[in-house]
């Protein structure tokens, strides 16, 4: 055995053995004809295969192709092109989250105002009490 045979896996060795054993076998013409008859018979029962077989020799005419391209490019568009997105679309799309964020910011500022007002009131009251005590 050569080194190359040692590198092969089990299936590779089996395939190589089968290839060597069948190398001198030629297909019989009757077998080939039977396969072609079977393919033709199945094509007869399949409508798409029949159409493919019937139109196999047809080639498109260059003039026809050019006429189709001209007609397609000259025809008016049936559907309008989509409009470019406007700024208003972005505002509408982000409007609901923006309202939520704005409402949270307003609530936070009111809470901050109330906390600060309470601190200012207590500082004022402390100075007023100091003035009343000194009088």
N, C-alpha and C. Protein backbone atom coordinates (compact mmCIF):
# COMPACT_ATOMS: atom_id res chain seq x y z
N UNK A 1 0.83 -1.19 0.00
CA UNK A 1 0.00 0.00 0.00
C UNK A 1 0.87 1.25 0.00
N UNK A 2 0.48 2.25 -0.78
CA UNK A 2 1.26 3.48 -0.81
C UNK A 2 0.81 4.39 0.32
N UNK A 3 1.60 5.45 0.53
CA UNK A 3 1.26 6.41 1.59
C UNK A 3 -0.05 7.12 1.28
N UNK A 4 -0.31 7.28 -0.01
CA UNK A 4 -1.54 7.97 -0.40
C UNK A 4 -2.76 7.15 0.01
N UNK A 5 -2.71 5.86 -0.07
CA UNK A 5 -3.83 5.01 0.33
C UNK A 5 -4.06 5.05 1.83
N UNK A 6 -3.02 5.29 2.60
CA UNK A 6 -3.17 5.35 4.05
C UNK A 6 -3.93 6.59 4.49
N UNK A 7 -3.88 7.66 3.68
CA UNK A 7 -4.57 8.90 4.03
C UNK A 7 -6.06 8.83 3.76
N UNK A 8 -6.51 7.85 3.02
CA UNK A 8 -7.93 7.76 2.66
C UNK A 8 -8.74 7.23 3.83
N UNK A 9 -9.98 7.69 3.91
CA UNK A 9 -10.90 7.17 4.91
C UNK A 9 -11.56 5.92 4.36
N UNK A 10 -12.32 5.25 5.18
CA UNK A 10 -12.98 4.02 4.77
C UNK A 10 -13.86 4.19 3.54
N UNK A 11 -14.76 5.16 3.51
CA UNK A 11 -15.60 5.33 2.30
C UNK A 11 -14.78 5.69 1.07
N UNK A 12 -13.70 6.47 1.24
CA UNK A 12 -12.86 6.81 0.08
C UNK A 12 -12.20 5.56 -0.49
N UNK A 13 -11.74 4.68 0.38
CA UNK A 13 -11.12 3.42 -0.09
C UNK A 13 -12.16 2.57 -0.83
N UNK A 14 -13.38 2.51 -0.26
CA UNK A 14 -14.43 1.72 -0.90
C UNK A 14 -14.79 2.28 -2.28
N UNK A 15 -14.90 3.61 -2.37
CA UNK A 15 -15.22 4.23 -3.66
C UNK A 15 -14.10 4.00 -4.66
N UNK A 16 -12.86 4.09 -4.24
CA UNK A 16 -11.73 3.85 -5.14
C UNK A 16 -11.74 2.40 -5.62
N UNK A 17 -12.05 1.45 -4.73
CA UNK A 17 -12.11 0.04 -5.10
C UNK A 17 -13.22 -0.20 -6.12
N UNK A 18 -14.41 0.43 -5.88
CA UNK A 18 -15.51 0.28 -6.82
C UNK A 18 -15.21 0.95 -8.16
N UNK A 19 -14.53 2.08 -8.14
CA UNK A 19 -14.17 2.76 -9.39
C UNK A 19 -13.22 1.90 -10.21
N UNK A 20 -12.27 1.27 -9.53
CA UNK A 20 -11.32 0.41 -10.25
C UNK A 20 -12.03 -0.82 -10.81
N UNK A 21 -12.99 -1.36 -10.08
CA UNK A 21 -13.69 -2.56 -10.52
C UNK A 21 -14.63 -2.29 -11.69
N UNK A 22 -15.17 -1.07 -11.79
CA UNK A 22 -16.15 -0.76 -12.85
C UNK A 22 -15.57 0.13 -13.94
N UNK A 23 -14.25 0.31 -13.98
CA UNK A 23 -13.64 1.22 -14.95
C UNK A 23 -13.82 0.72 -16.37
N UNK A 24 -13.86 -0.59 -16.60
CA UNK A 24 -13.93 -1.13 -17.96
C UNK A 24 -15.35 -1.41 -18.40
N UNK A 25 -16.34 -1.03 -17.60
CA UNK A 25 -17.73 -1.31 -17.97
C UNK A 25 -18.28 -0.12 -18.77
N UNK A 26 -18.83 -0.41 -19.95
CA UNK A 26 -19.45 0.62 -20.78
C UNK A 26 -20.96 0.42 -20.75
N UNK A 27 -21.67 1.54 -20.86
CA UNK A 27 -23.13 1.45 -20.88
C UNK A 27 -23.58 0.88 -22.22
N UNK A 28 -24.55 -0.01 -22.17
CA UNK A 28 -25.12 -0.60 -23.37
C UNK A 28 -26.00 0.44 -24.05
N UNK A 29 -25.97 0.49 -25.37
CA UNK A 29 -26.78 1.46 -26.11
C UNK A 29 -28.27 1.24 -25.85
N UNK A 30 -28.67 0.00 -25.66
CA UNK A 30 -30.08 -0.27 -25.36
C UNK A 30 -30.47 0.36 -24.02
N UNK A 31 -29.54 0.34 -23.05
CA UNK A 31 -29.81 0.97 -21.75
C UNK A 31 -30.00 2.48 -21.93
N UNK A 32 -29.11 3.11 -22.68
CA UNK A 32 -29.21 4.56 -22.92
C UNK A 32 -30.51 4.89 -23.62
N UNK A 33 -30.91 4.12 -24.60
CA UNK A 33 -32.16 4.36 -25.32
C UNK A 33 -33.35 4.19 -24.38
N UNK A 34 -33.29 3.19 -23.49
CA UNK A 34 -34.38 3.00 -22.54
C UNK A 34 -34.50 4.18 -21.58
N UNK A 35 -33.37 4.70 -21.15
CA UNK A 35 -33.40 5.87 -20.25
C UNK A 35 -33.99 7.07 -20.98
N UNK A 36 -33.59 7.28 -22.22
CA UNK A 36 -34.13 8.41 -22.99
C UNK A 36 -35.63 8.25 -23.25
N UNK A 37 -36.09 7.00 -23.54
CA UNK A 37 -37.53 6.77 -23.72
C UNK A 37 -38.29 7.06 -22.44
N UNK A 38 -37.74 6.66 -21.30
CA UNK A 38 -38.40 6.91 -20.02
C UNK A 38 -38.47 8.41 -19.74
N UNK A 39 -37.41 9.13 -20.08
CA UNK A 39 -37.42 10.58 -19.86
C UNK A 39 -38.44 11.25 -20.76
N UNK A 40 -38.56 10.79 -22.00
CA UNK A 40 -39.54 11.35 -22.93
C UNK A 40 -40.96 11.03 -22.47
N UNK A 41 -41.16 9.82 -21.96
CA UNK A 41 -42.50 9.44 -21.49
C UNK A 41 -42.90 10.26 -20.28
N UNK A 42 -41.97 10.51 -19.38
CA UNK A 42 -42.32 11.33 -18.21
C UNK A 42 -42.54 12.78 -18.62
N UNK A 43 -41.82 13.22 -19.65
CA UNK A 43 -42.03 14.59 -20.14
C UNK A 43 -43.42 14.74 -20.75
N UNK A 44 -43.93 13.65 -21.34
CA UNK A 44 -45.26 13.72 -21.96
C UNK A 44 -46.34 13.87 -20.90
N UNK A 45 -46.13 13.32 -19.73
CA UNK A 45 -47.15 13.43 -18.69
C UNK A 45 -47.04 14.73 -17.91
N UNK A 46 -45.89 15.40 -17.97
CA UNK A 46 -45.70 16.66 -17.24
C UNK A 46 -45.89 17.82 -18.22
N UNK A 47 -46.90 18.67 -18.00
CA UNK A 47 -47.15 19.75 -18.97
C UNK A 47 -45.99 20.73 -19.09
N UNK A 48 -45.30 21.02 -17.99
CA UNK A 48 -44.17 21.95 -18.08
C UNK A 48 -43.03 21.34 -18.88
N UNK A 49 -42.82 20.04 -18.72
CA UNK A 49 -41.76 19.38 -19.49
C UNK A 49 -42.12 19.36 -20.97
N UNK A 50 -43.43 19.17 -21.30
CA UNK A 50 -43.87 19.20 -22.70
C UNK A 50 -43.63 20.58 -23.30
N UNK A 51 -43.97 21.62 -22.54
CA UNK A 51 -43.77 22.99 -23.04
C UNK A 51 -42.29 23.27 -23.22
N UNK A 52 -41.48 22.83 -22.27
CA UNK A 52 -40.03 23.04 -22.38
C UNK A 52 -39.47 22.33 -23.61
N UNK A 53 -39.94 21.11 -23.85
CA UNK A 53 -39.46 20.36 -25.02
C UNK A 53 -39.93 21.02 -26.32
N UNK A 54 -41.16 21.54 -26.34
CA UNK A 54 -41.70 22.14 -27.56
C UNK A 54 -41.03 23.47 -27.87
N UNK A 55 -40.60 24.19 -26.87
CA UNK A 55 -40.02 25.52 -27.10
C UNK A 55 -38.50 25.51 -26.97
N UNK A 56 -37.91 24.34 -26.96
CA UNK A 56 -36.46 24.23 -26.75
C UNK A 56 -35.68 24.90 -27.87
N UNK A 57 -36.15 24.82 -29.10
CA UNK A 57 -35.41 25.37 -30.23
C UNK A 57 -35.69 26.83 -30.50
N UNK A 58 -36.58 27.45 -29.76
CA UNK A 58 -36.93 28.85 -30.02
C UNK A 58 -35.86 29.78 -29.46
N UNK A 59 -35.53 30.79 -30.24
CA UNK A 59 -34.58 31.81 -29.80
C UNK A 59 -35.27 33.17 -29.90
N UNK A 60 -35.02 34.07 -28.94
CA UNK A 60 -35.65 35.39 -29.04
C UNK A 60 -35.02 36.21 -30.16
N UNK A 61 -35.85 36.97 -30.83
CA UNK A 61 -35.39 37.84 -31.91
C UNK A 61 -34.85 39.12 -31.27
N UNK A 62 -33.72 39.61 -31.76
CA UNK A 62 -33.11 40.82 -31.19
C UNK A 62 -34.03 42.02 -31.35
N UNK A 63 -34.76 42.10 -32.47
CA UNK A 63 -35.68 43.21 -32.69
C UNK A 63 -36.82 43.18 -31.68
N UNK A 64 -37.31 41.98 -31.37
CA UNK A 64 -38.38 41.85 -30.39
C UNK A 64 -37.90 42.30 -29.00
N UNK A 65 -36.70 41.88 -28.63
CA UNK A 65 -36.14 42.27 -27.33
C UNK A 65 -35.98 43.78 -27.25
N UNK A 66 -35.45 44.40 -28.31
CA UNK A 66 -35.29 45.86 -28.32
C UNK A 66 -36.63 46.56 -28.22
N UNK A 67 -37.63 46.06 -28.92
CA UNK A 67 -38.96 46.67 -28.88
C UNK A 67 -39.55 46.56 -27.48
N UNK A 68 -39.35 45.43 -26.82
CA UNK A 68 -39.87 45.28 -25.45
C UNK A 68 -39.19 46.23 -24.49
N UNK A 69 -37.87 46.41 -24.63
CA UNK A 69 -37.15 47.33 -23.75
C UNK A 69 -37.61 48.76 -23.99
N UNK A 70 -37.78 49.14 -25.26
CA UNK A 70 -38.26 50.50 -25.56
C UNK A 70 -39.67 50.73 -24.99
N UNK A 71 -40.53 49.74 -25.14
CA UNK A 71 -41.91 49.88 -24.64
C UNK A 71 -41.92 49.97 -23.11
N UNK A 72 -41.06 49.20 -22.47
CA UNK A 72 -41.04 49.21 -21.01
C UNK A 72 -40.50 50.53 -20.48
N UNK A 73 -39.51 51.11 -21.15
CA UNK A 73 -38.95 52.37 -20.67
C UNK A 73 -39.83 53.56 -21.04
N UNK A 74 -40.62 53.45 -22.10
CA UNK A 74 -41.48 54.56 -22.52
C UNK A 74 -42.83 54.55 -21.81
N UNK A 75 -43.22 53.44 -21.25
CA UNK A 75 -44.54 53.33 -20.61
C UNK A 75 -44.59 54.18 -19.35
N UNK A 76 -45.75 54.81 -19.12
CA UNK A 76 -45.87 55.60 -17.88
C UNK A 76 -45.88 54.67 -16.67
N UNK A 77 -45.40 55.18 -15.58
CA UNK A 77 -45.38 54.40 -14.35
C UNK A 77 -46.80 54.26 -13.82
N UNK A 78 -47.15 53.02 -13.47
CA UNK A 78 -48.48 52.78 -12.92
C UNK A 78 -48.56 53.15 -11.45
N UNK A 79 -47.49 52.92 -10.74
CA UNK A 79 -47.47 53.25 -9.32
C UNK A 79 -46.57 54.46 -9.11
N UNK A 80 -47.01 55.40 -8.29
CA UNK A 80 -46.14 56.56 -8.05
C UNK A 80 -44.93 56.14 -7.21
N UNK A 81 -43.86 56.85 -7.44
CA UNK A 81 -42.68 56.60 -6.63
C UNK A 81 -42.97 57.02 -5.20
N UNK A 82 -42.46 56.30 -4.22
CA UNK A 82 -42.71 56.70 -2.84
C UNK A 82 -42.05 58.04 -2.54
N UNK A 83 -42.78 58.86 -1.80
CA UNK A 83 -42.27 60.18 -1.46
C UNK A 83 -41.14 60.06 -0.45
N UNK A 84 -40.23 61.01 -0.52
CA UNK A 84 -39.15 61.01 0.46
C UNK A 84 -39.74 61.33 1.83
N UNK A 85 -39.23 60.72 2.86
CA UNK A 85 -39.78 60.99 4.19
C UNK A 85 -39.53 62.44 4.59
N UNK A 86 -40.56 63.05 5.14
CA UNK A 86 -40.46 64.44 5.57
C UNK A 86 -40.13 64.49 7.06
N UNK A 87 -39.76 65.67 7.52
CA UNK A 87 -39.45 65.85 8.94
C UNK A 87 -40.70 65.58 9.78
N UNK A 88 -41.85 65.94 9.25
CA UNK A 88 -43.10 65.72 9.99
C UNK A 88 -43.32 64.23 10.27
N UNK A 89 -42.92 63.36 9.34
CA UNK A 89 -43.06 61.92 9.57
C UNK A 89 -42.23 61.49 10.77
N UNK A 90 -41.03 62.01 10.87
CA UNK A 90 -40.18 61.68 12.01
C UNK A 90 -40.75 62.21 13.31
N UNK A 91 -41.34 63.38 13.26
CA UNK A 91 -41.93 63.97 14.48
C UNK A 91 -43.13 63.14 14.92
N UNK A 92 -43.96 62.77 13.98
CA UNK A 92 -45.14 61.97 14.31
C UNK A 92 -44.73 60.61 14.87
N UNK A 93 -43.71 60.02 14.25
CA UNK A 93 -43.25 58.71 14.70
C UNK A 93 -42.66 58.78 16.10
N UNK A 94 -41.95 59.85 16.42
CA UNK A 94 -41.32 59.95 17.73
C UNK A 94 -42.14 60.80 18.70
N UNK A 95 -43.36 61.17 18.33
CA UNK A 95 -44.18 62.05 19.17
C UNK A 95 -44.57 61.43 20.49
N UNK A 96 -45.03 60.20 20.50
CA UNK A 96 -45.48 59.57 21.74
C UNK A 96 -44.34 59.41 22.74
N UNK A 97 -43.17 58.88 22.33
CA UNK A 97 -42.07 58.81 23.30
C UNK A 97 -41.61 60.19 23.77
N UNK A 98 -41.67 61.17 22.88
CA UNK A 98 -41.27 62.52 23.27
C UNK A 98 -42.23 63.08 24.31
N UNK A 99 -43.53 62.81 24.18
CA UNK A 99 -44.49 63.27 25.17
C UNK A 99 -44.25 62.61 26.53
N UNK A 100 -43.92 61.34 26.53
CA UNK A 100 -43.65 60.63 27.79
C UNK A 100 -42.43 61.23 28.47
N UNK A 101 -41.36 61.46 27.70
CA UNK A 101 -40.14 62.04 28.27
C UNK A 101 -40.42 63.45 28.79
N UNK A 102 -41.20 64.22 28.05
CA UNK A 102 -41.52 65.59 28.48
C UNK A 102 -42.35 65.57 29.76
N UNK A 103 -43.31 64.67 29.85
CA UNK A 103 -44.14 64.57 31.05
C UNK A 103 -43.29 64.16 32.26
N UNK A 104 -42.36 63.24 32.07
CA UNK A 104 -41.48 62.85 33.17
C UNK A 104 -40.58 64.00 33.59
N UNK A 105 -40.08 64.77 32.65
CA UNK A 105 -39.24 65.92 32.97
C UNK A 105 -40.05 66.98 33.73
N UNK A 106 -41.30 67.20 33.31
CA UNK A 106 -42.15 68.17 34.01
C UNK A 106 -42.45 67.71 35.43
N UNK A 107 -42.73 66.43 35.63
CA UNK A 107 -43.00 65.91 36.96
C UNK A 107 -41.75 66.03 37.84
N UNK A 108 -40.58 65.74 37.28
CA UNK A 108 -39.34 65.86 38.05
C UNK A 108 -39.07 67.31 38.43
N UNK A 109 -39.35 68.24 37.52
CA UNK A 109 -39.10 69.65 37.84
C UNK A 109 -40.07 70.15 38.90
N UNK A 110 -41.32 69.68 38.89
CA UNK A 110 -42.27 70.09 39.93
C UNK A 110 -41.84 69.53 41.29
N UNK A 111 -41.40 68.26 41.32
CA UNK A 111 -40.91 67.70 42.58
C UNK A 111 -39.68 68.45 43.08
N UNK A 112 -38.78 68.81 42.18
CA UNK A 112 -37.60 69.58 42.57
C UNK A 112 -38.01 70.96 43.11
N UNK A 113 -38.98 71.60 42.46
CA UNK A 113 -39.46 72.91 42.92
C UNK A 113 -40.06 72.80 44.33
N UNK A 114 -40.90 71.79 44.56
CA UNK A 114 -41.51 71.64 45.87
C UNK A 114 -40.47 71.38 46.96
N UNK A 115 -39.47 70.54 46.66
CA UNK A 115 -38.42 70.26 47.63
C UNK A 115 -37.63 71.53 47.93
N UNK A 116 -37.29 72.27 46.89
CA UNK A 116 -36.52 73.51 47.08
C UNK A 116 -37.36 74.54 47.84
N UNK A 117 -38.63 74.64 47.52
CA UNK A 117 -39.51 75.61 48.20
C UNK A 117 -39.61 75.28 49.69
N UNK A 118 -39.69 73.99 50.01
CA UNK A 118 -39.75 73.60 51.42
C UNK A 118 -38.46 73.98 52.14
N UNK A 119 -37.32 73.79 51.48
CA UNK A 119 -36.04 74.17 52.09
C UNK A 119 -35.95 75.68 52.27
N UNK A 120 -36.42 76.44 51.28
CA UNK A 120 -36.40 77.91 51.38
C UNK A 120 -37.34 78.37 52.50
N UNK A 121 -38.52 77.78 52.58
CA UNK A 121 -39.49 78.15 53.62
C UNK A 121 -38.92 77.88 55.01
N UNK A 122 -38.28 76.74 55.18
CA UNK A 122 -37.72 76.45 56.50
C UNK A 122 -36.57 77.38 56.83
N UNK A 123 -35.77 77.79 55.83
CA UNK A 123 -34.69 78.75 56.09
C UNK A 123 -35.25 80.11 56.44
N UNK A 124 -36.31 80.52 55.76
CA UNK A 124 -36.93 81.83 56.06
C UNK A 124 -37.54 81.80 57.46
N UNK A 125 -38.21 80.70 57.77
CA UNK A 125 -38.84 80.59 59.09
C UNK A 125 -37.79 80.61 60.21
N UNK A 126 -36.63 80.00 59.94
CA UNK A 126 -35.57 80.02 60.96
C UNK A 126 -35.06 81.43 61.18
N UNK A 127 -34.92 82.21 60.11
CA UNK A 127 -34.44 83.59 60.28
C UNK A 127 -35.52 84.46 60.90
N UNK A 128 -36.80 84.20 60.58
CA UNK A 128 -37.88 84.98 61.20
C UNK A 128 -37.96 84.67 62.69
N UNK A 129 -37.81 83.43 63.05
CA UNK A 129 -37.83 83.05 64.46
C UNK A 129 -36.64 83.68 65.21
N UNK A 130 -35.51 83.78 64.53
CA UNK A 130 -34.35 84.42 65.18
C UNK A 130 -34.62 85.91 65.39
N UNK A 131 -35.27 86.56 64.43
CA UNK A 131 -35.59 87.99 64.57
C UNK A 131 -36.62 88.19 65.68
N UNK A 132 -37.62 87.32 65.77
CA UNK A 132 -38.65 87.47 66.79
C UNK A 132 -38.05 87.23 68.18
N UNK A 133 -37.12 86.34 68.27
CA UNK A 133 -36.50 86.06 69.57
C UNK A 133 -35.63 87.22 69.99
N UNK A 134 -35.00 87.90 69.03
CA UNK A 134 -34.15 89.03 69.39
C UNK A 134 -34.96 90.28 69.72
N UNK A 135 -36.16 90.37 69.34
CA UNK A 135 -36.95 91.57 69.62
C UNK A 135 -37.48 91.54 70.97
